[in-house]
Amino acid sequence: MQNTIAKTKQEPSKQVKDKDGLEDELENLINSYLKTLKT
């Protein structure tokens, strides 16, 4: 049971990253880009 739980914890994170993760990465990229422009 523990093995299946470990797998389900890792695999969905990839699927979540496709949707929510991409938006978070875009925000991080934009924020870091704006920071580089300010400096």
PDB file of N, CA and C in Angstrom:
ATOM      1  N   MET A   1       0.841  -1.221   0.000  1.00  0.00           N
ATOM      2  CA  MET A   1       0.000   0.000   0.000  1.00  0.00           C
ATOM      3  C   MET A   1       0.869   1.262   0.000  1.00  0.00           C
ATOM      4  N   GLN A   2       1.941   1.243   0.754  1.00  0.00           N
ATOM      5  CA  GLN A   2       2.793   2.437   0.817  1.00  0.00           C
ATOM      6  C   GLN A   2       3.416   2.735  -0.540  1.00  0.00           C
ATOM      7  N   ASN A   3       3.774   1.678  -1.285  1.00  0.00           N
ATOM      8  CA  ASN A   3       4.375   1.904  -2.598  1.00  0.00           C
ATOM      9  C   ASN A   3       3.399   2.593  -3.542  1.00  0.00           C
ATOM     10  N   THR A   4       2.145   2.140  -3.538  1.00  0.00           N
ATOM     11  CA  THR A   4       1.157   2.739  -4.437  1.00  0.00           C
ATOM     12  C   THR A   4       0.903   4.194  -4.044  1.00  0.00           C
ATOM     13  N   ILE A   5       0.898   4.472  -2.747  1.00  0.00           N
ATOM     14  CA  ILE A   5       0.686   5.849  -2.293  1.00  0.00           C
ATOM     15  C   ILE A   5       1.850   6.721  -2.751  1.00  0.00           C
ATOM     16  N   ALA A   6       3.057   6.224  -2.644  1.00  0.00           N
ATOM     17  CA  ALA A   6       4.231   6.994  -3.071  1.00  0.00           C
ATOM     18  C   ALA A   6       4.153   7.285  -4.559  1.00  0.00           C
ATOM     19  N   LYS A   7       3.704   6.298  -5.333  1.00  0.00           N
ATOM     20  CA  LYS A   7       3.605   6.510  -6.785  1.00  0.00           C
ATOM     21  C   LYS A   7       2.541   7.553  -7.111  1.00  0.00           C
ATOM     22  N   THR A   8       1.388   7.455  -6.461  1.00  0.00           N
ATOM     23  CA  THR A   8       0.303   8.396  -6.764  1.00  0.00           C
ATOM     24  C   THR A   8       0.684   9.809  -6.323  1.00  0.00           C
ATOM     25  N   LYS A   9       1.569   9.920  -5.349  1.00  0.00           N
ATOM     26  CA  LYS A   9       1.999  11.256  -4.929  1.00  0.00           C
ATOM     27  C   LYS A   9       2.928  11.868  -5.969  1.00  0.00           C
ATOM     28  N   GLN A  10       3.738  11.042  -6.628  1.00  0.00           N
ATOM     29  CA  GLN A  10       4.694  11.553  -7.611  1.00  0.00           C
ATOM     30  C   GLN A  10       4.029  11.799  -8.962  1.00  0.00           C
ATOM     31  N   GLU A  11       3.221  10.857  -9.424  1.00  0.00           N
ATOM     32  CA  GLU A  11       2.649  10.957 -10.769  1.00  0.00           C
ATOM     33  C   GLU A  11       1.690  12.139 -10.940  1.00  0.00           C
ATOM     34  N   PRO A  12       0.727  12.348 -10.025  1.00  0.00           N
ATOM     35  CA  PRO A  12      -0.197  13.479 -10.193  1.00  0.00           C
ATOM     36  C   PRO A  12       0.532  14.820 -10.199  1.00  0.00           C
ATOM     37  N   SER A  13       1.650  14.914  -9.501  1.00  0.00           N
ATOM     38  CA  SER A  13       2.372  16.183  -9.471  1.00  0.00           C
ATOM     39  C   SER A  13       2.789  16.576 -10.883  1.00  0.00           C
ATOM     40  N   LYS A  14       3.089  15.597 -11.718  1.00  0.00           N
ATOM     41  CA  LYS A  14       3.428  15.898 -13.111  1.00  0.00           C
ATOM     42  C   LYS A  14       2.195  16.405 -13.852  1.00  0.00           C
ATOM     43  N   GLN A  15       1.051  15.774 -13.621  1.00  0.00           N
ATOM     44  CA  GLN A  15      -0.181  16.184 -14.293  1.00  0.00           C
ATOM     45  C   GLN A  15      -0.606  17.568 -13.805  1.00  0.00           C
ATOM     46  N   VAL A  16      -0.489  17.806 -12.520  1.00  0.00           N
ATOM     47  CA  VAL A  16      -0.863  19.105 -11.961  1.00  0.00           C
ATOM     48  C   VAL A  16       0.051  20.182 -12.522  1.00  0.00           C
ATOM     49  N   LYS A  17       1.330  19.839 -12.686  1.00  0.00           N
ATOM     50  CA  LYS A  17       2.289  20.827 -13.192  1.00  0.00           C
ATOM     51  C   LYS A  17       1.917  21.252 -14.609  1.00  0.00           C
ATOM     52  N   ASP A  18       1.262  20.366 -15.363  1.00  0.00           N
ATOM     53  CA  ASP A  18       0.876  20.717 -16.728  1.00  0.00           C
ATOM     54  C   ASP A  18      -0.110  21.871 -16.733  1.00  0.00           C
ATOM     55  N   LYS A  19      -0.996  21.901 -15.743  1.00  0.00           N
ATOM     56  CA  LYS A  19      -2.029  22.948 -15.729  1.00  0.00           C
ATOM     57  C   LYS A  19      -1.651  24.066 -14.757  1.00  0.00           C
ATOM     58  N   ASP A  20      -1.781  23.804 -13.465  1.00  0.00           N
ATOM     59  CA  ASP A  20      -1.501  24.836 -12.468  1.00  0.00           C
ATOM     60  C   ASP A  20      -0.011  25.178 -12.444  1.00  0.00           C
ATOM     61  N   GLY A  21       0.817  24.170 -12.584  1.00  0.00           N
ATOM     62  CA  GLY A  21       2.264  24.390 -12.521  1.00  0.00           C
ATOM     63  C   GLY A  21       2.751  25.328 -13.613  1.00  0.00           C
ATOM     64  N   LEU A  22       2.184  25.193 -14.802  1.00  0.00           N
ATOM     65  CA  LEU A  22       2.593  26.070 -15.902  1.00  0.00           C
ATOM     66  C   LEU A  22       2.259  27.515 -15.580  1.00  0.00           C
ATOM     67  N   GLU A  23       1.099  27.745 -14.997  1.00  0.00           N
ATOM     68  CA  GLU A  23       0.713  29.113 -14.636  1.00  0.00           C
ATOM     69  C   GLU A  23       1.661  29.658 -13.574  1.00  0.00           C
ATOM     70  N   ASP A  24       2.011  28.811 -12.592  1.00  0.00           N
ATOM     71  CA  ASP A  24       2.933  29.257 -11.550  1.00  0.00           C
ATOM     72  C   ASP A  24       4.291  29.569 -12.149  1.00  0.00           C
ATOM     73  N   GLU A  25       4.755  28.714 -13.077  1.00  0.00           N
ATOM     74  CA  GLU A  25       6.060  28.937 -13.703  1.00  0.00           C
ATOM     75  C   GLU A  25       6.037  30.223 -14.519  1.00  0.00           C
ATOM     76  N   LEU A  26       4.927  30.475 -15.206  1.00  0.00           N
ATOM     77  CA  LEU A  26       4.809  31.715 -15.988  1.00  0.00           C
ATOM     78  C   LEU A  26       4.887  32.927 -15.062  1.00  0.00           C
ATOM     79  N   GLU A  27       4.188  32.863 -13.941  1.00  0.00           N
ATOM     80  CA  GLU A  27       4.219  33.979 -12.995  1.00  0.00           C
ATOM     81  C   GLU A  27       5.635  34.181 -12.473  1.00  0.00           C
ATOM     82  N   ASN A  28       6.307  33.076 -12.140  1.00  0.00           N
ATOM     83  CA  ASN A  28       7.673  33.179 -11.633  1.00  0.00           C
ATOM     84  C   ASN A  28       8.593  33.767 -12.690  1.00  0.00           C
ATOM     85  N   LEU A  29       8.433  33.334 -13.947  1.00  0.00           N
ATOM     86  CA  LEU A  29       9.265  33.860 -15.029  1.00  0.00           C
ATOM     87  C   LEU A  29       9.019  35.349 -15.217  1.00  0.00           C
ATOM     88  N   ILE A  30       7.759  35.741 -15.220  1.00  0.00           N
ATOM     89  CA  ILE A  30       7.416  37.159 -15.411  1.00  0.00           C
ATOM     90  C   ILE A  30       7.964  37.989 -14.258  1.00  0.00           C
ATOM     91  N   ASN A  31       7.780  37.504 -13.038  1.00  0.00           N
ATOM     92  CA  ASN A  31       8.263  38.248 -11.868  1.00  0.00           C
ATOM     93  C   ASN A  31       9.776  38.389 -11.904  1.00  0.00           C
ATOM     94  N   SER A  32      10.479  37.301 -12.205  1.00  0.00           N
ATOM     95  CA  SER A  32      11.937  37.359 -12.258  1.00  0.00           C
ATOM     96  C   SER A  32      12.392  38.257 -13.399  1.00  0.00           C
ATOM     97  N   TYR A  33      11.663  38.228 -14.519  1.00  0.00           N
ATOM     98  CA  TYR A  33      11.999  39.073 -15.663  1.00  0.00           C
ATOM     99  C   TYR A  33      11.808  40.545 -15.313  1.00  0.00           C
ATOM    100  N   LEU A  34      10.713  40.855 -14.628  1.00  0.00           N
ATOM    101  CA  LEU A  34      10.467  42.237 -14.213  1.00  0.00           C
ATOM    102  C   LEU A  34      11.547  42.697 -13.236  1.00  0.00           C
ATOM    103  N   LYS A  35      11.982  41.779 -12.366  1.00  0.00           N
ATOM    104  CA  LYS A  35      13.038  42.135 -11.409  1.00  0.00           C
ATOM    105  C   LYS A  35      14.317  42.484 -12.153  1.00  0.00           C
ATOM    106  N   THR A  36      14.641  41.725 -13.193  1.00  0.00           N
ATOM    107  CA  THR A  36      15.869  41.994 -13.940  1.00  0.00           C
ATOM    108  C   THR A  36      15.745  43.324 -14.682  1.00  0.00           C
ATOM    109  N   LEU A  37      14.535  43.681 -15.101  1.00  0.00           N
ATOM    110  CA  LEU A  37      14.346  44.961 -15.790  1.00  0.00           C
ATOM    111  C   LEU A  37      14.542  46.123 -14.815  1.00  0.00           C
ATOM    112  N   LYS A  38      14.066  45.959 -13.596  1.00  0.00           N
ATOM    113  CA  LYS A  38      14.160  47.036 -12.614  1.00  0.00           C
ATOM    114  C   LYS A  38      15.606  47.294 -12.226  1.00  0.00           C
ATOM    115  N   THR A  39      16.389  46.249 -12.088  1.00  0.00           N
ATOM    116  CA  THR A  39      17.771  46.416 -11.625  1.00  0.00           C
ATOM    117  C   THR A  39      18.654  46.958 -12.721  1.00  0.00           C
TER     118      THR A  39
END
